[in-house]
Amino acid sequence: MTEAIRFNVYVSIKDGRLEEFEGIAKEWSAYHYKQRPDVLSYEWFFMDADQSKALVMELYESSEAMLATMQEVSEAEETEKPDYPYEMIKLEVCGNISDALRERLDAGGSNIIYYRHFDGFTR
């Protein structure tokens, strides 16, 4: 499958950890831009005036690209056991994803909404 996959990740920023959250956004954005050409877009948005909620919009060239990202995160979490400055509220997955990606996402137990692509384009 070579179809682009979009992830909209909605998060709640933990009290007193906004600066740390912003640092992670900058660090991860720079990493993906330089090291991961299969990540087509990686953008962070605040959803409210008090900056307690955010939306991360990620666009991958394929299901395989997202699976590679998930593998990187899993390996890092195994060794570092990070205490992230946010909690995921919801994940929207937009596109016709592979069975392997669907299985991996469903195993995580997150609040996921799937949208199947039926028309349109990405440049």
PDB file of N, CA and C in Angstrom:
ATOM      1  N   MET A   1       0.853  -1.186   0.000  1.00  0.00           N
ATOM      2  CA  MET A   1       0.000   0.000   0.000  1.00  0.00           C
ATOM      3  C   MET A   1       0.890   1.237   0.000  1.00  0.00           C
ATOM      4  N   THR A   2       0.683   2.130  -0.921  1.00  0.00           N
ATOM      5  CA  THR A   2       1.508   3.337  -1.014  1.00  0.00           C
ATOM      6  C   THR A   2       0.675   4.587  -0.836  1.00  0.00           C
ATOM      7  N   GLU A   3      -0.462   4.477  -0.262  1.00  0.00           N
ATOM      8  CA  GLU A   3      -1.367   5.596  -0.079  1.00  0.00           C
ATOM      9  C   GLU A   3      -1.018   6.376   1.190  1.00  0.00           C
ATOM     10  N   ALA A   4      -1.052   7.700   1.095  1.00  0.00           N
ATOM     11  CA  ALA A   4      -0.754   8.550   2.253  1.00  0.00           C
ATOM     12  C   ALA A   4      -1.758   8.303   3.373  1.00  0.00           C
ATOM     13  N   ILE A   5      -1.260   8.364   4.603  1.00  0.00           N
ATOM     14  CA  ILE A   5      -2.066   8.138   5.802  1.00  0.00           C
ATOM     15  C   ILE A   5      -1.921   9.348   6.707  1.00  0.00           C
ATOM     16  N   ARG A   6      -3.051   9.906   7.150  1.00  0.00           N
ATOM     17  CA  ARG A   6      -3.043  11.056   8.053  1.00  0.00           C
ATOM     18  C   ARG A   6      -3.448  10.608   9.458  1.00  0.00           C
ATOM     19  N   PHE A   7      -2.715  11.154  10.432  1.00  0.00           N
ATOM     20  CA  PHE A   7      -3.033  10.931  11.837  1.00  0.00           C
ATOM     21  C   PHE A   7      -3.283  12.277  12.483  1.00  0.00           C
ATOM     22  N   ASN A   8      -4.423  12.415  13.120  1.00  0.00           N
ATOM     23  CA  ASN A   8      -4.725  13.590  13.926  1.00  0.00           C
ATOM     24  C   ASN A   8      -4.711  13.123  15.376  1.00  0.00           C
ATOM     25  N   VAL A   9      -3.737  13.598  16.125  1.00  0.00           N
ATOM     26  CA  VAL A   9      -3.549  13.168  17.505  1.00  0.00           C
ATOM     27  C   VAL A   9      -3.945  14.328  18.414  1.00  0.00           C
ATOM     28  N   TYR A  10      -4.980  14.132  19.208  1.00  0.00           N
ATOM     29  CA  TYR A  10      -5.469  15.144  20.143  1.00  0.00           C
ATOM     30  C   TYR A  10      -4.896  14.845  21.519  1.00  0.00           C
ATOM     31  N   VAL A  11      -4.263  15.851  22.133  1.00  0.00           N
ATOM     32  CA  VAL A  11      -3.624  15.635  23.428  1.00  0.00           C
ATOM     33  C   VAL A  11      -4.015  16.722  24.424  1.00  0.00           C
ATOM     34  N   SER A  12      -3.921  16.357  25.687  1.00  0.00           N
ATOM     35  CA  SER A  12      -4.104  17.274  26.800  1.00  0.00           C
ATOM     36  C   SER A  12      -2.737  17.454  27.452  1.00  0.00           C
ATOM     37  N   ILE A  13      -2.319  18.697  27.613  1.00  0.00           N
ATOM     38  CA  ILE A  13      -1.000  18.987  28.175  1.00  0.00           C
ATOM     39  C   ILE A  13      -1.109  18.996  29.703  1.00  0.00           C
ATOM     40  N   LYS A  14      -0.212  18.275  30.339  1.00  0.00           N
ATOM     41  CA  LYS A  14      -0.240  18.164  31.798  1.00  0.00           C
ATOM     42  C   LYS A  14       0.083  19.512  32.434  1.00  0.00           C
ATOM     43  N   ASP A  15      -0.538  19.778  33.572  1.00  0.00           N
ATOM     44  CA  ASP A  15      -0.346  21.041  34.290  1.00  0.00           C
ATOM     45  C   ASP A  15       1.127  21.320  34.546  1.00  0.00           C
ATOM     46  N   GLY A  16       1.528  22.558  34.240  1.00  0.00           N
ATOM     47  CA  GLY A  16       2.882  22.997  34.510  1.00  0.00           C
ATOM     48  C   GLY A  16       3.934  22.466  33.550  1.00  0.00           C
ATOM     49  N   ARG A  17       3.517  21.828  32.447  1.00  0.00           N
ATOM     50  CA  ARG A  17       4.498  21.190  31.557  1.00  0.00           C
ATOM     51  C   ARG A  17       4.425  21.706  30.122  1.00  0.00           C
ATOM     52  N   LEU A  18       3.862  22.902  29.959  1.00  0.00           N
ATOM     53  CA  LEU A  18       3.713  23.487  28.628  1.00  0.00           C
ATOM     54  C   LEU A  18       5.071  23.703  27.952  1.00  0.00           C
ATOM     55  N   GLU A  19       6.019  24.246  28.678  1.00  0.00           N
ATOM     56  CA  GLU A  19       7.336  24.516  28.090  1.00  0.00           C
ATOM     57  C   GLU A  19       8.003  23.220  27.622  1.00  0.00           C
ATOM     58  N   GLU A  20       7.886  22.188  28.414  1.00  0.00           N
ATOM     59  CA  GLU A  20       8.441  20.884  28.052  1.00  0.00           C
ATOM     60  C   GLU A  20       7.735  20.333  26.806  1.00  0.00           C
ATOM     61  N   PHE A  21       6.426  20.498  26.739  1.00  0.00           N
ATOM     62  CA  PHE A  21       5.645  20.066  25.574  1.00  0.00           C
ATOM     63  C   PHE A  21       6.113  20.783  24.313  1.00  0.00           C
ATOM     64  N   GLU A  22       6.307  22.095  24.418  1.00  0.00           N
ATOM     65  CA  GLU A  22       6.773  22.869  23.264  1.00  0.00           C
ATOM     66  C   GLU A  22       8.174  22.428  22.831  1.00  0.00           C
ATOM     67  N   GLY A  23       9.010  22.074  23.786  1.00  0.00           N
ATOM     68  CA  GLY A  23      10.350  21.587  23.461  1.00  0.00           C
ATOM     69  C   GLY A  23      10.310  20.268  22.703  1.00  0.00           C
ATOM     70  N   ILE A  24       9.428  19.373  23.136  1.00  0.00           N
ATOM     71  CA  ILE A  24       9.264  18.097  22.437  1.00  0.00           C
ATOM     72  C   ILE A  24       8.772  18.328  21.019  1.00  0.00           C
ATOM     73  N   ALA A  25       7.831  19.249  20.845  1.00  0.00           N
ATOM     74  CA  ALA A  25       7.306  19.546  19.507  1.00  0.00           C
ATOM     75  C   ALA A  25       8.439  19.993  18.582  1.00  0.00           C
ATOM     76  N   LYS A  26       9.267  20.887  19.054  1.00  0.00           N
ATOM     77  CA  LYS A  26      10.386  21.384  18.235  1.00  0.00           C
ATOM     78  C   LYS A  26      11.391  20.265  17.929  1.00  0.00           C
ATOM     79  N   GLU A  27      11.731  19.494  18.947  1.00  0.00           N
ATOM     80  CA  GLU A  27      12.714  18.423  18.788  1.00  0.00           C
ATOM     81  C   GLU A  27      12.213  17.348  17.823  1.00  0.00           C
ATOM     82  N   TRP A  28      10.985  16.887  18.037  1.00  0.00           N
ATOM     83  CA  TRP A  28      10.451  15.819  17.189  1.00  0.00           C
ATOM     84  C   TRP A  28      10.212  16.312  15.764  1.00  0.00           C
ATOM     85  N   SER A  29       9.771  17.553  15.605  1.00  0.00           N
ATOM     86  CA  SER A  29       9.564  18.104  14.258  1.00  0.00           C
ATOM     87  C   SER A  29      10.895  18.159  13.497  1.00  0.00           C
ATOM     88  N   ALA A  30      11.930  18.648  14.151  1.00  0.00           N
ATOM     89  CA  ALA A  30      13.237  18.737  13.509  1.00  0.00           C
ATOM     90  C   ALA A  30      13.761  17.353  13.141  1.00  0.00           C
ATOM     91  N   TYR A  31      13.607  16.405  14.030  1.00  0.00           N
ATOM     92  CA  TYR A  31      14.056  15.039  13.762  1.00  0.00           C
ATOM     93  C   TYR A  31      13.342  14.460  12.540  1.00  0.00           C
ATOM     94  N   HIS A  32      12.013  14.534  12.536  1.00  0.00           N
ATOM     95  CA  HIS A  32      11.250  13.955  11.423  1.00  0.00           C
ATOM     96  C   HIS A  32      11.577  14.641  10.096  1.00  0.00           C
ATOM     97  N   TYR A  33      11.786  15.934  10.140  1.00  0.00           N
ATOM     98  CA  TYR A  33      12.103  16.668   8.914  1.00  0.00           C
ATOM     99  C   TYR A  33      13.439  16.204   8.325  1.00  0.00           C
ATOM    100  N   LYS A  34      14.433  16.033   9.196  1.00  0.00           N
ATOM    101  CA  LYS A  34      15.771  15.683   8.726  1.00  0.00           C
ATOM    102  C   LYS A  34      15.959  14.192   8.470  1.00  0.00           C
ATOM    103  N   GLN A  35      15.381  13.365   9.320  1.00  0.00           N
ATOM    104  CA  GLN A  35      15.690  11.934   9.300  1.00  0.00           C
ATOM    105  C   GLN A  35      14.638  11.052   8.630  1.00  0.00           C
ATOM    106  N   ARG A  36      13.448  11.561   8.434  1.00  0.00           N
ATOM    107  CA  ARG A  36      12.359  10.703   7.963  1.00  0.00           C
ATOM    108  C   ARG A  36      11.659  11.307   6.748  1.00  0.00           C
ATOM    109  N   PRO A  37      12.200  11.123   5.543  1.00  0.00           N
ATOM    110  CA  PRO A  37      11.560  11.668   4.344  1.00  0.00           C
ATOM    111  C   PRO A  37      10.198  11.037   4.057  1.00  0.00           C
ATOM    112  N   ASP A  38       9.886   9.906   4.695  1.00  0.00           N
ATOM    113  CA  ASP A  38       8.577   9.278   4.511  1.00  0.00           C
ATOM    114  C   ASP A  38       7.496   9.927   5.379  1.00  0.00           C
ATOM    115  N   VAL A  39       7.892  10.877   6.231  1.00  0.00           N
ATOM    116  CA  VAL A  39       6.935  11.696   6.975  1.00  0.00           C
ATOM    117  C   VAL A  39       6.748  12.970   6.157  1.00  0.00           C
ATOM    118  N   LEU A  40       5.594  13.114   5.552  1.00  0.00           N
ATOM    119  CA  LEU A  40       5.348  14.200   4.607  1.00  0.00           C
ATOM    120  C   LEU A  40       4.972  15.505   5.289  1.00  0.00           C
ATOM    121  N   SER A  41       4.357  15.415   6.450  1.00  0.00           N
ATOM    122  CA  SER A  41       3.941  16.600   7.194  1.00  0.00           C
ATOM    123  C   SER A  41       3.852  16.228   8.669  1.00  0.00           C
ATOM    124  N   TYR A  42       4.254  17.168   9.531  1.00  0.00           N
ATOM    125  CA  TYR A  42       4.261  16.916  10.972  1.00  0.00           C
ATOM    126  C   TYR A  42       4.054  18.272  11.632  1.00  0.00           C
ATOM    127  N   GLU A  43       2.815  18.590  12.002  1.00  0.00           N
ATOM    128  CA  GLU A  43       2.475  19.929  12.483  1.00  0.00           C
ATOM    129  C   GLU A  43       1.770  19.870  13.831  1.00  0.00           C
ATOM    130  N   TRP A  44       2.035  20.902  14.645  1.00  0.00           N
ATOM    131  CA  TRP A  44       1.503  20.992  16.003  1.00  0.00           C
ATOM    132  C   TRP A  44       0.654  22.260  16.110  1.00  0.00           C
ATOM    133  N   PHE A  45      -0.519  22.136  16.718  1.00  0.00           N
ATOM    134  CA  PHE A  45      -1.447  23.264  16.865  1.00  0.00           C
ATOM    135  C   PHE A  45      -2.020  23.274  18.278  1.00  0.00           C
ATOM    136  N   PHE A  46      -2.131  24.470  18.871  1.00  0.00           N
ATOM    137  CA  PHE A  46      -2.877  24.596  20.126  1.00  0.00           C
ATOM    138  C   PHE A  46      -4.353  24.713  19.788  1.00  0.00           C
ATOM    139  N   MET A  47      -5.186  24.090  20.605  1.00  0.00           N
ATOM    140  CA  MET A  47      -6.625  24.057  20.348  1.00  0.00           C
ATOM    141  C   MET A  47      -7.409  25.062  21.179  1.00  0.00           C
ATOM    142  N   ASP A  48      -6.775  25.682  22.158  1.00  0.00           N
ATOM    143  CA  ASP A  48      -7.493  26.603  23.028  1.00  0.00           C
ATOM    144  C   ASP A  48      -6.563  27.729  23.479  1.00  0.00           C
ATOM    145  N   ALA A  49      -7.154  28.788  24.009  1.00  0.00           N
ATOM    146  CA  ALA A  49      -6.378  29.976  24.390  1.00  0.00           C
ATOM    147  C   ALA A  49      -5.393  29.691  25.526  1.00  0.00           C
ATOM    148  N   ASP A  50      -5.751  28.810  26.446  1.00  0.00           N
ATOM    149  CA  ASP A  50      -4.838  28.546  27.574  1.00  0.00           C
ATOM    150  C   ASP A  50      -3.771  27.498  27.255  1.00  0.00           C
ATOM    151  N   GLN A  51      -3.741  27.023  26.038  1.00  0.00           N
ATOM    152  CA  GLN A  51      -2.745  26.073  25.553  1.00  0.00           C
ATOM    153  C   GLN A  51      -2.685  24.801  26.400  1.00  0.00           C
ATOM    154  N   SER A  52      -3.833  24.314  26.787  1.00  0.00           N
ATOM    155  CA  SER A  52      -3.892  23.082  27.566  1.00  0.00           C
ATOM    156  C   SER A  52      -4.229  21.873  26.697  1.00  0.00           C
ATOM    157  N   LYS A  53      -4.628  22.123  25.461  1.00  0.00           N
ATOM    158  CA  LYS A  53      -4.935  21.048  24.524  1.00  0.00           C
ATOM    159  C   LYS A  53      -4.271  21.363  23.186  1.00  0.00           C
ATOM    160  N   ALA A  54      -3.842  20.296  22.512  1.00  0.00           N
ATOM    161  CA  ALA A  54      -3.171  20.486  21.229  1.00  0.00           C
ATOM    162  C   ALA A  54      -3.577  19.389  20.255  1.00  0.00           C
ATOM    163  N   LEU A  55      -3.332  19.682  18.998  1.00  0.00           N
ATOM    164  CA  LEU A  55      -3.567  18.742  17.912  1.00  0.00           C
ATOM    165  C   LEU A  55      -2.250  18.582  17.164  1.00  0.00           C
ATOM    166  N   VAL A  56      -1.836  17.345  16.983  1.00  0.00           N
ATOM    167  CA  VAL A  56      -0.654  17.044  16.180  1.00  0.00           C
ATOM    168  C   VAL A  56      -1.170  16.366  14.912  1.00  0.00           C
ATOM    169  N   MET A  57      -0.876  16.972  13.764  1.00  0.00           N
ATOM    170  CA  MET A  57      -1.309  16.422  12.483  1.00  0.00           C
ATOM    171  C   MET A  57      -0.085  15.839  11.782  1.00  0.00           C
ATOM    172  N   GLU A  58      -0.153  14.540  11.516  1.00  0.00           N
ATOM    173  CA  GLU A  58       0.959  13.830  10.908  1.00  0.00           C
ATOM    174  C   GLU A  58       0.492  13.232   9.587  1.00  0.00           C
ATOM    175  N   LEU A  59       1.314  13.352   8.546  1.00  0.00           N
ATOM    176  CA  LEU A  59       0.993  12.763   7.248  1.00  0.00           C
ATOM    177  C   LEU A  59       2.163  11.888   6.831  1.00  0.00           C
ATOM    178  N   TYR A  60       1.887  10.605   6.651  1.00  0.00           N
ATOM    179  CA  TYR A  60       2.893   9.619   6.276  1.00  0.00           C
ATOM    180  C   TYR A  60       2.645   9.164   4.845  1.00  0.00           C
ATOM    181  N   GLU A  61       3.705   8.814   4.143  1.00  0.00           N
ATOM    182  CA  GLU A  61       3.518   8.406   2.754  1.00  0.00           C
ATOM    183  C   GLU A  61       2.833   7.052   2.635  1.00  0.00           C
ATOM    184  N   SER A  62       2.831   6.254   3.701  1.00  0.00           N
ATOM    185  CA  SER A  62       2.228   4.925   3.638  1.00  0.00           C
ATOM    186  C   SER A  62       2.017   4.369   5.050  1.00  0.00           C
ATOM    187  N   SER A  63       1.290   3.270   5.115  1.00  0.00           N
ATOM    188  CA  SER A  63       1.144   2.561   6.389  1.00  0.00           C
ATOM    189  C   SER A  63       2.499   2.101   6.906  1.00  0.00           C
ATOM    190  N   GLU A  64       3.369   1.673   5.999  1.00  0.00           N
ATOM    191  CA  GLU A  64       4.682   1.189   6.388  1.00  0.00           C
ATOM    192  C   GLU A  64       5.502   2.296   7.049  1.00  0.00           C
ATOM    193  N   ALA A  65       5.362   3.532   6.575  1.00  0.00           N
ATOM    194  CA  ALA A  65       6.073   4.658   7.184  1.00  0.00           C
ATOM    195  C   ALA A  65       5.595   4.873   8.617  1.00  0.00           C
ATOM    196  N   MET A  66       4.298   4.762   8.849  1.00  0.00           N
ATOM    197  CA  MET A  66       3.786   4.919  10.207  1.00  0.00           C
ATOM    198  C   MET A  66       4.222   3.768  11.092  1.00  0.00           C
ATOM    199  N   LEU A  67       4.232   2.559  10.556  1.00  0.00           N
ATOM    200  CA  LEU A  67       4.707   1.415  11.337  1.00  0.00           C
ATOM    201  C   LEU A  67       6.173   1.603  11.730  1.00  0.00           C
ATOM    202  N   ALA A  68       6.977   2.166  10.851  1.00  0.00           N
ATOM    203  CA  ALA A  68       8.387   2.433  11.170  1.00  0.00           C
ATOM    204  C   ALA A  68       8.495   3.445  12.309  1.00  0.00           C
ATOM    205  N   THR A  69       7.654   4.468  12.285  1.00  0.00           N
ATOM    206  CA  THR A  69       7.640   5.467  13.361  1.00  0.00           C
ATOM    207  C   THR A  69       7.234   4.817  14.678  1.00  0.00           C
ATOM    208  N   MET A  70       6.206   3.995  14.637  1.00  0.00           N
ATOM    209  CA  MET A  70       5.745   3.325  15.853  1.00  0.00           C
ATOM    210  C   MET A  70       6.842   2.424  16.420  1.00  0.00           C
ATOM    211  N   GLN A  71       7.599   1.778  15.556  1.00  0.00           N
ATOM    212  CA  GLN A  71       8.697   0.921  16.004  1.00  0.00           C
ATOM    213  C   GLN A  71       9.782   1.754  16.693  1.00  0.00           C
ATOM    214  N   GLU A  72      10.126   2.907  16.119  1.00  0.00           N
ATOM    215  CA  GLU A  72      11.115   3.795  16.730  1.00  0.00           C
ATOM    216  C   GLU A  72      10.669   4.231  18.124  1.00  0.00           C
ATOM    217  N   VAL A  73       9.400   4.615  18.238  1.00  0.00           N
ATOM    218  CA  VAL A  73       8.861   5.072  19.521  1.00  0.00           C
ATOM    219  C   VAL A  73       8.883   3.937  20.536  1.00  0.00           C
ATOM    220  N   SER A  74       8.465   2.743  20.125  1.00  0.00           N
ATOM    221  CA  SER A  74       8.455   1.593  21.027  1.00  0.00           C
ATOM    222  C   SER A  74       9.845   1.287  21.560  1.00  0.00           C
ATOM    223  N   GLU A  75      10.836   1.305  20.671  1.00  0.00           N
ATOM    224  CA  GLU A  75      12.204   1.025  21.097  1.00  0.00           C
ATOM    225  C   GLU A  75      12.708   2.077  22.073  1.00  0.00           C
ATOM    226  N   ALA A  76      12.410   3.344  21.813  1.00  0.00           N
ATOM    227  CA  ALA A  76      12.833   4.423  22.715  1.00  0.00           C
ATOM    228  C   ALA A  76      12.141   4.299  24.064  1.00  0.00           C
ATOM    229  N   GLU A  77      10.858   3.969  24.061  1.00  0.00           N
ATOM    230  CA  GLU A  77      10.117   3.858  25.309  1.00  0.00           C
ATOM    231  C   GLU A  77      10.592   2.681  26.152  1.00  0.00           C
ATOM    232  N   GLU A  78      11.054   1.616  25.511  1.00  0.00           N
ATOM    233  CA  GLU A  78      11.562   0.451  26.246  1.00  0.00           C
ATOM    234  C   GLU A  78      12.809   0.796  27.044  1.00  0.00           C
ATOM    235  N   THR A  79      13.674   1.644  26.480  1.00  0.00           N
ATOM    236  CA  THR A  79      14.928   1.968  27.171  1.00  0.00           C
ATOM    237  C   THR A  79      14.813   3.195  28.066  1.00  0.00           C
ATOM    238  N   GLU A  80      13.979   4.161  27.684  1.00  0.00           N
ATOM    239  CA  GLU A  80      13.919   5.428  28.416  1.00  0.00           C
ATOM    240  C   GLU A  80      12.772   5.529  29.417  1.00  0.00           C
ATOM    241  N   LYS A  81      11.689   4.841  29.194  1.00  0.00           N
ATOM    242  CA  LYS A  81      10.482   4.939  30.043  1.00  0.00           C
ATOM    243  C   LYS A  81      10.090   6.414  30.257  1.00  0.00           C
ATOM    244  N   PRO A  82       9.787   7.127  29.163  1.00  0.00           N
ATOM    245  CA  PRO A  82       9.535   8.570  29.270  1.00  0.00           C
ATOM    246  C   PRO A  82       8.241   8.915  30.008  1.00  0.00           C
ATOM    247  N   ASP A  83       8.281  10.038  30.676  1.00  0.00           N
ATOM    248  CA  ASP A  83       7.096  10.626  31.305  1.00  0.00           C
ATOM    249  C   ASP A  83       6.709  11.812  30.426  1.00  0.00           C
ATOM    250  N   TYR A  84       5.864  11.558  29.445  1.00  0.00           N
ATOM    251  CA  TYR A  84       5.503  12.604  28.496  1.00  0.00           C
ATOM    252  C   TYR A  84       4.714  13.724  29.181  1.00  0.00           C
ATOM    253  N   PRO A  85       4.874  14.965  28.710  1.00  0.00           N
ATOM    254  CA  PRO A  85       4.160  16.097  29.311  1.00  0.00           C
ATOM    255  C   PRO A  85       2.726  16.234  28.791  1.00  0.00           C
ATOM    256  N   TYR A  86       2.206  15.194  28.207  1.00  0.00           N
ATOM    257  CA  TYR A  86       0.855  15.217  27.641  1.00  0.00           C
ATOM    258  C   TYR A  86       0.223  13.828  27.758  1.00  0.00           C
ATOM    259  N   GLU A  87      -1.091  13.808  27.588  1.00  0.00           N
ATOM    260  CA  GLU A  87      -1.828  12.547  27.516  1.00  0.00           C
ATOM    261  C   GLU A  87      -2.683  12.592  26.263  1.00  0.00           C
ATOM    262  N   MET A  88      -2.708  11.483  25.543  1.00  0.00           N
ATOM    263  CA  MET A  88      -3.523  11.437  24.335  1.00  0.00           C
ATOM    264  C   MET A  88      -4.997  11.331  24.706  1.00  0.00           C
ATOM    265  N   ILE A  89      -5.804  12.153  24.048  1.00  0.00           N
ATOM    266  CA  ILE A  89      -7.248  12.147  24.242  1.00  0.00           C
ATOM    267  C   ILE A  89      -7.913  11.257  23.192  1.00  0.00           C
ATOM    268  N   LYS A  90      -7.483  11.456  21.950  1.00  0.00           N
ATOM    269  CA  LYS A  90      -8.123  10.767  20.833  1.00  0.00           C
ATOM    270  C   LYS A  90      -7.154  10.724  19.668  1.00  0.00           C
ATOM    271  N   LEU A  91      -7.308   9.693  18.844  1.00  0.00           N
ATOM    272  CA  LEU A  91      -6.524   9.557  17.627  1.00  0.00           C
ATOM    273  C   LEU A  91      -7.479   9.325  16.466  1.00  0.00           C
ATOM    274  N   GLU A  92      -7.339  10.141  15.417  1.00  0.00           N
ATOM    275  CA  GLU A  92      -8.092   9.937  14.182  1.00  0.00           C
ATOM    276  C   GLU A  92      -7.115   9.435  13.130  1.00  0.00           C
ATOM    277  N   VAL A  93      -7.466   8.338  12.485  1.00  0.00           N
ATOM    278  CA  VAL A  93      -6.643   7.757  11.442  1.00  0.00           C
ATOM    279  C   VAL A  93      -7.415   7.890  10.142  1.00  0.00           C
ATOM    280  N   CYS A  94      -6.841   8.624   9.199  1.00  0.00           N
ATOM    281  CA  CYS A  94      -7.527   8.924   7.943  1.00  0.00           C
ATOM    282  C   CYS A  94      -6.772   8.296   6.786  1.00  0.00           C
ATOM    283  N   GLY A  95      -7.408   7.365   6.109  1.00  0.00           N
ATOM    284  CA  GLY A  95      -6.796   6.710   4.959  1.00  0.00           C
ATOM    285  C   GLY A  95      -7.070   5.223   4.987  1.00  0.00           C
ATOM    286  N   ASN A  96      -6.713   4.578   3.903  1.00  0.00           N
ATOM    287  CA  ASN A  96      -6.909   3.135   3.776  1.00  0.00           C
ATOM    288  C   ASN A  96      -5.647   2.435   4.252  1.00  0.00           C
ATOM    289  N   ILE A  97      -5.626   2.143   5.539  1.00  0.00           N
ATOM    290  CA  ILE A  97      -4.421   1.615   6.172  1.00  0.00           C
ATOM    291  C   ILE A  97      -4.291   0.109   5.960  1.00  0.00           C
ATOM    292  N   SER A  98      -3.063  -0.369   6.108  1.00  0.00           N
ATOM    293  CA  SER A  98      -2.793  -1.799   5.979  1.00  0.00           C
ATOM    294  C   SER A  98      -3.357  -2.550   7.182  1.00  0.00           C
ATOM    295  N   ASP A  99      -3.549  -3.849   7.002  1.00  0.00           N
ATOM    296  CA  ASP A  99      -4.010  -4.692   8.107  1.00  0.00           C
ATOM    297  C   ASP A  99      -2.997  -4.684   9.252  1.00  0.00           C
ATOM    298  N   ALA A 100      -1.713  -4.671   8.905  1.00  0.00           N
ATOM    299  CA  ALA A 100      -0.667  -4.672   9.936  1.00  0.00           C
ATOM    300  C   ALA A 100      -0.727  -3.415  10.792  1.00  0.00           C
ATOM    301  N   LEU A 101      -0.963  -2.263  10.164  1.00  0.00           N
ATOM    302  CA  LEU A 101      -1.053  -1.016  10.932  1.00  0.00           C
ATOM    303  C   LEU A 101      -2.314  -1.014  11.788  1.00  0.00           C
ATOM    304  N   ARG A 102      -3.414  -1.461  11.239  1.00  0.00           N
ATOM    305  CA  ARG A 102      -4.665  -1.511  12.011  1.00  0.00           C
ATOM    306  C   ARG A 102      -4.497  -2.412  13.238  1.00  0.00           C
ATOM    307  N   GLU A 103      -3.873  -3.549  13.049  1.00  0.00           N
ATOM    308  CA  GLU A 103      -3.655  -4.480  14.159  1.00  0.00           C
ATOM    309  C   GLU A 103      -2.784  -3.837  15.238  1.00  0.00           C
ATOM    310  N   ARG A 104      -1.726  -3.167  14.824  1.00  0.00           N
ATOM    311  CA  ARG A 104      -0.808  -2.517  15.772  1.00  0.00           C
ATOM    312  C   ARG A 104      -1.515  -1.406  16.543  1.00  0.00           C
ATOM    313  N   LEU A 105      -2.293  -0.585  15.841  1.00  0.00           N
ATOM    314  CA  LEU A 105      -3.021   0.500  16.503  1.00  0.00           C
ATOM    315  C   LEU A 105      -4.062  -0.041  17.472  1.00  0.00           C
ATOM    316  N   ASP A 106      -4.812  -1.043  17.060  1.00  0.00           N
ATOM    317  CA  ASP A 106      -5.860  -1.611  17.913  1.00  0.00           C
ATOM    318  C   ASP A 106      -5.293  -2.258  19.175  1.00  0.00           C
ATOM    319  N   ALA A 107      -4.068  -2.753  19.100  1.00  0.00           N
ATOM    320  CA  ALA A 107      -3.431  -3.397  20.249  1.00  0.00           C
ATOM    321  C   ALA A 107      -3.085  -2.395  21.346  1.00  0.00           C
ATOM    322  N   GLY A 108      -3.005  -1.099  20.990  1.00  0.00           N
ATOM    323  CA  GLY A 108      -2.618  -0.084  21.958  1.00  0.00           C
ATOM    324  C   GLY A 108      -3.711   0.337  22.918  1.00  0.00           C
ATOM    325  N   GLY A 109      -4.949   0.045  22.615  1.00  0.00           N
ATOM    326  CA  GLY A 109      -6.047   0.375  23.511  1.00  0.00           C
ATOM    327  C   GLY A 109      -6.412   1.847  23.558  1.00  0.00           C
ATOM    328  N   SER A 110      -5.951   2.630  22.596  1.00  0.00           N
ATOM    329  CA  SER A 110      -6.263   4.061  22.566  1.00  0.00           C
ATOM    330  C   SER A 110      -7.659   4.303  21.998  1.00  0.00           C
ATOM    331  N   ASN A 111      -8.161   5.513  22.233  1.00  0.00           N
ATOM    332  CA  ASN A 111      -9.430   5.942  21.662  1.00  0.00           C
ATOM    333  C   ASN A 111      -9.168   6.332  20.207  1.00  0.00           C
ATOM    334  N   ILE A 112      -9.500   5.433  19.266  1.00  0.00           N
ATOM    335  CA  ILE A 112      -9.181   5.639  17.854  1.00  0.00           C
ATOM    336  C   ILE A 112     -10.454   5.676  17.026  1.00  0.00           C
ATOM    337  N   ILE A 113     -10.493   6.647  16.114  1.00  0.00           N
ATOM    338  CA  ILE A 113     -11.568   6.736  15.132  1.00  0.00           C
ATOM    339  C   ILE A 113     -10.918   6.559  13.764  1.00  0.00           C
ATOM    340  N   TYR A 114     -11.440   5.636  12.986  1.00  0.00           N
ATOM    341  CA  TYR A 114     -10.890   5.361  11.654  1.00  0.00           C
ATOM    342  C   TYR A 114     -11.790   5.957  10.583  1.00  0.00           C
ATOM    343  N   TYR A 115     -11.170   6.585   9.592  1.00  0.00           N
ATOM    344  CA  TYR A 115     -11.869   7.132   8.432  1.00  0.00           C
ATOM    345  C   TYR A 115     -11.260   6.500   7.186  1.00  0.00           C
ATOM    346  N   ARG A 116     -12.080   5.895   6.350  1.00  0.00           N
ATOM    347  CA  ARG A 116     -11.612   5.271   5.111  1.00  0.00           C
ATOM    348  C   ARG A 116     -11.674   6.286   3.985  1.00  0.00           C
ATOM    349  N   HIS A 117     -10.592   6.429   3.270  1.00  0.00           N
ATOM    350  CA  HIS A 117     -10.520   7.371   2.154  1.00  0.00           C
ATOM    351  C   HIS A 117     -11.322   6.845   0.975  1.00  0.00           C
ATOM    352  N   PHE A 118     -12.090   7.702   0.334  1.00  0.00           N
ATOM    353  CA  PHE A 118     -12.827   7.269  -0.842  1.00  0.00           C
ATOM    354  C   PHE A 118     -12.642   8.161  -2.043  1.00  0.00           C
ATOM    355  N   ASP A 119     -12.128   9.413  -1.882  1.00  0.00           N
ATOM    356  CA  ASP A 119     -11.910  10.283  -3.046  1.00  0.00           C
ATOM    357  C   ASP A 119     -11.030  11.461  -2.631  1.00  0.00           C
ATOM    358  N   GLY A 120     -10.391  12.086  -3.600  1.00  0.00           N
ATOM    359  CA  GLY A 120      -9.564  13.254  -3.365  1.00  0.00           C
ATOM    360  C   GLY A 120      -8.112  12.966  -3.659  1.00  0.00           C
ATOM    361  N   PHE A 121      -7.223  13.909  -3.296  1.00  0.00           N
ATOM    362  CA  PHE A 121      -5.802  13.728  -3.572  1.00  0.00           C
ATOM    363  C   PHE A 121      -4.948  14.485  -2.576  1.00  0.00           C
ATOM    364  N   THR A 122      -3.689  14.097  -2.506  1.00  0.00           N
ATOM    365  CA  THR A 122      -2.662  14.779  -1.745  1.00  0.00           C
ATOM    366  C   THR A 122      -1.519  15.068  -2.694  1.00  0.00           C
ATOM    367  N   ARG A 123      -1.009  16.260  -2.694  1.00  0.00           N
ATOM    368  CA  ARG A 123       0.144  16.583  -3.542  1.00  0.00           C
ATOM    369  C   ARG A 123       1.415  16.447  -2.752  1.00  0.00           C
TER     370      ARG A 123
END
